[in-house]
Amino acid sequence: MSTKDILRQERDDKTGQRFHVYSEMLDEDGDVYLELEGFHFHAASSDAMVTGNPQLVVRLPREWAKKIGLLTGEAK
């Protein structure tokens, strides 16, 4: 049995790309998780970073950034 509370999700059957925003019901901190599938990404661990913080960069097509809500009210 899953403890995920799905907040938002969408899938493109043509490309296989999808996003999934969820929370864990048993997570007392109330964190929200973003799961991406089928997108290109770059990851660096803390030893490769000047700041000492891990980094994850995901390359999203503009259409997907809009679907997720990252680009609202964007001028064209």
PDB file of N, CA and C in Angstrom:
ATOM      1  N   MET A   1       0.836  -1.184   0.000  1.00  0.00           N
ATOM      2  CA  MET A   1       0.000   0.000   0.000  1.00  0.00           C
ATOM      3  C   MET A   1       0.879   1.245   0.000  1.00  0.00           C
ATOM      4  N   SER A   2       0.560   2.174  -0.872  1.00  0.00           N
ATOM      5  CA  SER A   2       1.343   3.396  -0.996  1.00  0.00           C
ATOM      6  C   SER A   2       0.899   4.423   0.039  1.00  0.00           C
ATOM      7  N   THR A   3       1.870   5.209   0.486  1.00  0.00           N
ATOM      8  CA  THR A   3       1.555   6.300   1.402  1.00  0.00           C
ATOM      9  C   THR A   3       1.653   7.642   0.683  1.00  0.00           C
ATOM     10  N   LYS A   4       1.699   7.602  -0.650  1.00  0.00           N
ATOM     11  CA  LYS A   4       1.797   8.831  -1.434  1.00  0.00           C
ATOM     12  C   LYS A   4       0.429   9.471  -1.606  1.00  0.00           C
ATOM     13  N   ASP A   5       0.377  10.770  -1.381  1.00  0.00           N
ATOM     14  CA  ASP A   5      -0.809  11.560  -1.651  1.00  0.00           C
ATOM     15  C   ASP A   5      -0.513  12.355  -2.914  1.00  0.00           C
ATOM     16  N   ILE A   6      -1.104  11.947  -4.041  1.00  0.00           N
ATOM     17  CA  ILE A   6      -0.815  12.572  -5.331  1.00  0.00           C
ATOM     18  C   ILE A   6      -1.453  13.951  -5.377  1.00  0.00           C
ATOM     19  N   LEU A   7      -0.618  14.969  -5.602  1.00  0.00           N
ATOM     20  CA  LEU A   7      -1.088  16.341  -5.676  1.00  0.00           C
ATOM     21  C   LEU A   7      -1.325  16.763  -7.119  1.00  0.00           C
ATOM     22  N   ARG A   8      -0.455  16.308  -8.006  1.00  0.00           N
ATOM     23  CA  ARG A   8      -0.554  16.643  -9.427  1.00  0.00           C
ATOM     24  C   ARG A   8       0.275  15.667 -10.229  1.00  0.00           C
ATOM     25  N   GLN A   9      -0.211  15.318 -11.422  1.00  0.00           N
ATOM     26  CA  GLN A   9       0.579  14.462 -12.307  1.00  0.00           C
ATOM     27  C   GLN A   9       0.103  14.612 -13.734  1.00  0.00           C
ATOM     28  N   GLU A  10       1.018  14.359 -14.646  1.00  0.00           N
ATOM     29  CA  GLU A  10       0.681  14.382 -16.068  1.00  0.00           C
ATOM     30  C   GLU A  10       1.695  13.523 -16.805  1.00  0.00           C
ATOM     31  N   ARG A  11       1.242  12.895 -17.866  1.00  0.00           N
ATOM     32  CA  ARG A  11       2.099  12.019 -18.667  1.00  0.00           C
ATOM     33  C   ARG A  11       1.831  12.275 -20.144  1.00  0.00           C
ATOM     34  N   ASP A  12       2.896  12.249 -20.931  1.00  0.00           N
ATOM     35  CA  ASP A  12       2.797  12.351 -22.380  1.00  0.00           C
ATOM     36  C   ASP A  12       3.100  10.961 -22.930  1.00  0.00           C
ATOM     37  N   ASP A  13       2.086  10.270 -23.389  1.00  0.00           N
ATOM     38  CA  ASP A  13       2.260   8.901 -23.883  1.00  0.00           C
ATOM     39  C   ASP A  13       3.178   8.835 -25.099  1.00  0.00           C
ATOM     40  N   LYS A  14       3.219   9.880 -25.887  1.00  0.00           N
ATOM     41  CA  LYS A  14       4.058   9.906 -27.091  1.00  0.00           C
ATOM     42  C   LYS A  14       5.547   9.879 -26.734  1.00  0.00           C
ATOM     43  N   THR A  15       5.951  10.695 -25.761  1.00  0.00           N
ATOM     44  CA  THR A  15       7.370  10.785 -25.391  1.00  0.00           C
ATOM     45  C   THR A  15       7.735   9.931 -24.188  1.00  0.00           C
ATOM     46  N   GLY A  16       6.744   9.534 -23.398  1.00  0.00           N
ATOM     47  CA  GLY A  16       7.013   8.795 -22.174  1.00  0.00           C
ATOM     48  C   GLY A  16       7.411   9.693 -21.010  1.00  0.00           C
ATOM     49  N   GLN A  17       7.426  10.999 -21.242  1.00  0.00           N
ATOM     50  CA  GLN A  17       7.786  11.935 -20.183  1.00  0.00           C
ATOM     51  C   GLN A  17       6.601  12.122 -19.239  1.00  0.00           C
ATOM     52  N   ARG A  18       6.934  12.320 -17.958  1.00  0.00           N
ATOM     53  CA  ARG A  18       5.866  12.569 -16.997  1.00  0.00           C
ATOM     54  C   ARG A  18       6.409  13.331 -15.805  1.00  0.00           C
ATOM     55  N   PHE A  19       5.502  13.976 -15.089  1.00  0.00           N
ATOM     56  CA  PHE A  19       5.844  14.543 -13.794  1.00  0.00           C
ATOM     57  C   PHE A  19       4.804  14.098 -12.797  1.00  0.00           C
ATOM     58  N   HIS A  20       5.222  14.086 -11.557  1.00  0.00           N
ATOM     59  CA  HIS A  20       4.400  13.561 -10.484  1.00  0.00           C
ATOM     60  C   HIS A  20       4.758  14.382  -9.245  1.00  0.00           C
ATOM     61  N   VAL A  21       3.818  15.118  -8.708  1.00  0.00           N
ATOM     62  CA  VAL A  21       4.025  15.880  -7.487  1.00  0.00           C
ATOM     63  C   VAL A  21       3.206  15.197  -6.400  1.00  0.00           C
ATOM     64  N   TYR A  22       3.853  14.861  -5.302  1.00  0.00           N
ATOM     65  CA  TYR A  22       3.150  14.136  -4.248  1.00  0.00           C
ATOM     66  C   TYR A  22       3.731  14.475  -2.882  1.00  0.00           C
ATOM     67  N   SER A  23       2.974  14.123  -1.875  1.00  0.00           N
ATOM     68  CA  SER A  23       3.482  14.201  -0.500  1.00  0.00           C
ATOM     69  C   SER A  23       3.378  12.804   0.091  1.00  0.00           C
ATOM     70  N   GLU A  24       4.138  12.570   1.120  1.00  0.00           N
ATOM     71  CA  GLU A  24       4.082  11.289   1.831  1.00  0.00           C
ATOM     72  C   GLU A  24       3.177  11.481   3.042  1.00  0.00           C
ATOM     73  N   MET A  25       2.143  10.686   3.144  1.00  0.00           N
ATOM     74  CA  MET A  25       1.176  10.837   4.231  1.00  0.00           C
ATOM     75  C   MET A  25       1.807  10.717   5.610  1.00  0.00           C
ATOM     76  N   LEU A  26       2.873   9.942   5.717  1.00  0.00           N
ATOM     77  CA  LEU A  26       3.508   9.733   7.017  1.00  0.00           C
ATOM     78  C   LEU A  26       4.643  10.723   7.292  1.00  0.00           C
ATOM     79  N   ASP A  27       4.872  11.652   6.375  1.00  0.00           N
ATOM     80  CA  ASP A  27       5.932  12.647   6.535  1.00  0.00           C
ATOM     81  C   ASP A  27       5.431  13.769   7.435  1.00  0.00           C
ATOM     82  N   GLU A  28       5.949  13.837   8.639  1.00  0.00           N
ATOM     83  CA  GLU A  28       5.494  14.831   9.610  1.00  0.00           C
ATOM     84  C   GLU A  28       5.905  16.254   9.245  1.00  0.00           C
ATOM     85  N   ASP A  29       6.945  16.410   8.391  1.00  0.00           N
ATOM     86  CA  ASP A  29       7.397  17.744   7.997  1.00  0.00           C
ATOM     87  C   ASP A  29       6.531  18.352   6.900  1.00  0.00           C
ATOM     88  N   GLY A  30       5.717  17.534   6.229  1.00  0.00           N
ATOM     89  CA  GLY A  30       4.846  18.032   5.178  1.00  0.00           C
ATOM     90  C   GLY A  30       5.566  18.365   3.881  1.00  0.00           C
ATOM     91  N   ASP A  31       6.724  17.736   3.633  1.00  0.00           N
ATOM     92  CA  ASP A  31       7.476  17.997   2.408  1.00  0.00           C
ATOM     93  C   ASP A  31       6.684  17.546   1.180  1.00  0.00           C
ATOM     94  N   VAL A  32       7.000  18.160   0.051  1.00  0.00           N
ATOM     95  CA  VAL A  32       6.394  17.815  -1.230  1.00  0.00           C
ATOM     96  C   VAL A  32       7.501  17.317  -2.144  1.00  0.00           C
ATOM     97  N   TYR A  33       7.214  16.294  -2.932  1.00  0.00           N
ATOM     98  CA  TYR A  33       8.199  15.672  -3.802  1.00  0.00           C
ATOM     99  C   TYR A  33       7.814  15.888  -5.258  1.00  0.00           C
ATOM    100  N   LEU A  34       8.809  16.165  -6.098  1.00  0.00           N
ATOM    101  CA  LEU A  34       8.621  16.288  -7.544  1.00  0.00           C
ATOM    102  C   LEU A  34       9.393  15.155  -8.193  1.00  0.00           C
ATOM    103  N   GLU A  35       8.695  14.300  -8.882  1.00  0.00           N
ATOM    104  CA  GLU A  35       9.309  13.177  -9.593  1.00  0.00           C
ATOM    105  C   GLU A  35       9.168  13.432 -11.085  1.00  0.00           C
ATOM    106  N   LEU A  36      10.279  13.386 -11.799  1.00  0.00           N
ATOM    107  CA  LEU A  36      10.293  13.578 -13.242  1.00  0.00           C
ATOM    108  C   LEU A  36      10.780  12.298 -13.894  1.00  0.00           C
ATOM    109  N   GLU A  37      10.176  11.934 -15.008  1.00  0.00           N
ATOM    110  CA  GLU A  37      10.588  10.726 -15.727  1.00  0.00           C
ATOM    111  C   GLU A  37      10.737  11.066 -17.199  1.00  0.00           C
ATOM    112  N   GLY A  38      11.842  10.633 -17.795  1.00  0.00           N
ATOM    113  CA  GLY A  38      12.048  10.795 -19.226  1.00  0.00           C
ATOM    114  C   GLY A  38      12.704  12.094 -19.638  1.00  0.00           C
ATOM    115  N   PHE A  39      13.249  12.858 -18.684  1.00  0.00           N
ATOM    116  CA  PHE A  39      13.901  14.125 -18.986  1.00  0.00           C
ATOM    117  C   PHE A  39      15.407  13.992 -18.800  1.00  0.00           C
ATOM    118  N   HIS A  40      16.172  14.810 -19.516  1.00  0.00           N
ATOM    119  CA  HIS A  40      17.627  14.831 -19.354  1.00  0.00           C
ATOM    120  C   HIS A  40      17.969  15.561 -18.069  1.00  0.00           C
ATOM    121  N   PHE A  41      19.033  15.128 -17.394  1.00  0.00           N
ATOM    122  CA  PHE A  41      19.426  15.795 -16.162  1.00  0.00           C
ATOM    123  C   PHE A  41      20.927  15.731 -15.965  1.00  0.00           C
ATOM    124  N   HIS A  42      21.404  16.593 -15.096  1.00  0.00           N
ATOM    125  CA  HIS A  42      22.808  16.630 -14.687  1.00  0.00           C
ATOM    126  C   HIS A  42      22.809  16.696 -13.171  1.00  0.00           C
ATOM    127  N   ALA A  43      23.612  15.873 -12.544  1.00  0.00           N
ATOM    128  CA  ALA A  43      23.691  15.874 -11.081  1.00  0.00           C
ATOM    129  C   ALA A  43      25.142  16.014 -10.647  1.00  0.00           C
ATOM    130  N   ALA A  44      25.353  16.746  -9.562  1.00  0.00           N
ATOM    131  CA  ALA A  44      26.688  16.909  -8.993  1.00  0.00           C
ATOM    132  C   ALA A  44      26.591  16.736  -7.487  1.00  0.00           C
ATOM    133  N   SER A  45      27.524  15.993  -6.937  1.00  0.00           N
ATOM    134  CA  SER A  45      27.535  15.812  -5.493  1.00  0.00           C
ATOM    135  C   SER A  45      28.258  16.973  -4.824  1.00  0.00           C
ATOM    136  N   SER A  46      28.190  17.028  -3.528  1.00  0.00           N
ATOM    137  CA  SER A  46      28.723  18.176  -2.790  1.00  0.00           C
ATOM    138  C   SER A  46      30.222  18.384  -3.006  1.00  0.00           C
ATOM    139  N   ASP A  47      30.969  17.313  -3.241  1.00  0.00           N
ATOM    140  CA  ASP A  47      32.410  17.484  -3.432  1.00  0.00           C
ATOM    141  C   ASP A  47      32.754  18.116  -4.784  1.00  0.00           C
ATOM    142  N   ALA A  48      31.781  18.189  -5.679  1.00  0.00           N
ATOM    143  CA  ALA A  48      32.025  18.793  -6.997  1.00  0.00           C
ATOM    144  C   ALA A  48      31.518  20.234  -7.061  1.00  0.00           C
ATOM    145  N   MET A  49      31.002  20.719  -5.972  1.00  0.00           N
ATOM    146  CA  MET A  49      30.383  22.040  -5.968  1.00  0.00           C
ATOM    147  C   MET A  49      31.179  23.018  -5.106  1.00  0.00           C
ATOM    148  N   VAL A  50      31.222  24.243  -5.505  1.00  0.00           N
ATOM    149  CA  VAL A  50      31.892  25.287  -4.732  1.00  0.00           C
ATOM    150  C   VAL A  50      31.147  25.540  -3.429  1.00  0.00           C
ATOM    151  N   THR A  51      29.841  25.520  -3.468  1.00  0.00           N
ATOM    152  CA  THR A  51      29.029  25.831  -2.287  1.00  0.00           C
ATOM    153  C   THR A  51      28.953  24.684  -1.296  1.00  0.00           C
ATOM    154  N   GLY A  52      29.295  23.483  -1.733  1.00  0.00           N
ATOM    155  CA  GLY A  52      29.190  22.325  -0.862  1.00  0.00           C
ATOM    156  C   GLY A  52      27.796  21.718  -0.830  1.00  0.00           C
ATOM    157  N   ASN A  53      26.892  22.217  -1.663  1.00  0.00           N
ATOM    158  CA  ASN A  53      25.528  21.684  -1.720  1.00  0.00           C
ATOM    159  C   ASN A  53      25.337  20.826  -2.960  1.00  0.00           C
ATOM    160  N   PRO A  54      24.604  19.720  -2.838  1.00  0.00           N
ATOM    161  CA  PRO A  54      24.319  18.909  -4.017  1.00  0.00           C
ATOM    162  C   PRO A  54      23.456  19.701  -4.997  1.00  0.00           C
ATOM    163  N   GLN A  55      23.564  19.351  -6.265  1.00  0.00           N
ATOM    164  CA  GLN A  55      22.831  20.069  -7.305  1.00  0.00           C
ATOM    165  C   GLN A  55      22.244  19.084  -8.292  1.00  0.00           C
ATOM    166  N   LEU A  56      21.012  19.338  -8.692  1.00  0.00           N
ATOM    167  CA  LEU A  56      20.361  18.558  -9.729  1.00  0.00           C
ATOM    168  C   LEU A  56      19.740  19.541 -10.713  1.00  0.00           C
ATOM    169  N   VAL A  57      20.113  19.443 -11.968  1.00  0.00           N
ATOM    170  CA  VAL A  57      19.577  20.296 -13.020  1.00  0.00           C
ATOM    171  C   VAL A  57      18.837  19.400 -14.003  1.00  0.00           C
ATOM    172  N   VAL A  58      17.569  19.727 -14.253  1.00  0.00           N
ATOM    173  CA  VAL A  58      16.752  18.957 -15.177  1.00  0.00           C
ATOM    174  C   VAL A  58      16.391  19.855 -16.351  1.00  0.00           C
ATOM    175  N   ARG A  59      16.661  19.376 -17.556  1.00  0.00           N
ATOM    176  CA  ARG A  59      16.325  20.130 -18.773  1.00  0.00           C
ATOM    177  C   ARG A  59      14.900  19.787 -19.180  1.00  0.00           C
ATOM    178  N   LEU A  60      14.031  20.785 -19.118  1.00  0.00           N
ATOM    179  CA  LEU A  60      12.626  20.588 -19.434  1.00  0.00           C
ATOM    180  C   LEU A  60      12.266  21.332 -20.710  1.00  0.00           C
ATOM    181  N   PRO A  61      11.514  20.712 -21.593  1.00  0.00           N
ATOM    182  CA  PRO A  61      10.960  21.470 -22.709  1.00  0.00           C
ATOM    183  C   PRO A  61      10.048  22.560 -22.147  1.00  0.00           C
ATOM    184  N   ARG A  62       9.988  23.696 -22.819  1.00  0.00           N
ATOM    185  CA  ARG A  62       9.183  24.839 -22.359  1.00  0.00           C
ATOM    186  C   ARG A  62       7.728  24.422 -22.101  1.00  0.00           C
ATOM    187  N   GLU A  63       7.187  23.544 -22.946  1.00  0.00           N
ATOM    188  CA  GLU A  63       5.811  23.069 -22.778  1.00  0.00           C
ATOM    189  C   GLU A  63       5.614  22.398 -21.417  1.00  0.00           C
ATOM    190  N   TRP A  64       6.596  21.594 -21.002  1.00  0.00           N
ATOM    191  CA  TRP A  64       6.496  20.914 -19.711  1.00  0.00           C
ATOM    192  C   TRP A  64       6.668  21.888 -18.551  1.00  0.00           C
ATOM    193  N   ALA A  65       7.546  22.856 -18.699  1.00  0.00           N
ATOM    194  CA  ALA A  65       7.718  23.858 -17.644  1.00  0.00           C
ATOM    195  C   ALA A  65       6.408  24.600 -17.406  1.00  0.00           C
ATOM    196  N   LYS A  66       5.655  24.854 -18.474  1.00  0.00           N
ATOM    197  CA  LYS A  66       4.350  25.498 -18.334  1.00  0.00           C
ATOM    198  C   LYS A  66       3.358  24.566 -17.651  1.00  0.00           C
ATOM    199  N   LYS A  67       3.352  23.288 -18.034  1.00  0.00           N
ATOM    200  CA  LYS A  67       2.429  22.321 -17.423  1.00  0.00           C
ATOM    201  C   LYS A  67       2.658  22.197 -15.923  1.00  0.00           C
ATOM    202  N   ILE A  68       3.907  22.237 -15.523  1.00  0.00           N
ATOM    203  CA  ILE A  68       4.249  22.088 -14.107  1.00  0.00           C
ATOM    204  C   ILE A  68       3.962  23.380 -13.344  1.00  0.00           C
ATOM    205  N   GLY A  69       3.864  24.487 -14.056  1.00  0.00           N
ATOM    206  CA  GLY A  69       3.576  25.754 -13.415  1.00  0.00           C
ATOM    207  C   GLY A  69       4.808  26.600 -13.166  1.00  0.00           C
ATOM    208  N   LEU A  70       5.924  26.244 -13.794  1.00  0.00           N
ATOM    209  CA  LEU A  70       7.159  27.017 -13.620  1.00  0.00           C
ATOM    210  C   LEU A  70       7.159  28.292 -14.435  1.00  0.00           C
ATOM    211  N   LEU A  71       6.390  28.328 -15.528  1.00  0.00           N
ATOM    212  CA  LEU A  71       6.344  29.490 -16.405  1.00  0.00           C
ATOM    213  C   LEU A  71       4.904  29.976 -16.536  1.00  0.00           C
ATOM    214  N   THR A  72       4.444  30.678 -15.552  1.00  0.00           N
ATOM    215  CA  THR A  72       3.088  31.224 -15.630  1.00  0.00           C
ATOM    216  C   THR A  72       3.166  32.688 -16.049  1.00  0.00           C
ATOM    217  N   GLY A  73       2.280  33.090 -16.909  1.00  0.00           N
ATOM    218  CA  GLY A  73       2.240  34.476 -17.365  1.00  0.00           C
ATOM    219  C   GLY A  73       3.461  34.885 -18.153  1.00  0.00           C
ATOM    220  N   GLU A  74       4.114  33.950 -18.808  1.00  0.00           N
ATOM    221  CA  GLU A  74       5.331  34.239 -19.562  1.00  0.00           C
ATOM    222  C   GLU A  74       5.006  35.005 -20.836  1.00  0.00           C
ATOM    223  N   ALA A  75       5.756  36.059 -21.102  1.00  0.00           N
ATOM    224  CA  ALA A  75       5.602  36.801 -22.351  1.00  0.00           C
ATOM    225  C   ALA A  75       6.236  36.008 -23.483  1.00  0.00           C
ATOM    226  N   LYS A  76       5.595  36.005 -24.627  1.00  0.00           N
ATOM    227  CA  LYS A  76       6.133  35.257 -25.767  1.00  0.00           C
ATOM    228  C   LYS A  76       6.909  36.145 -26.673  1.00  0.00           C
TER     229      LYS A  76
END
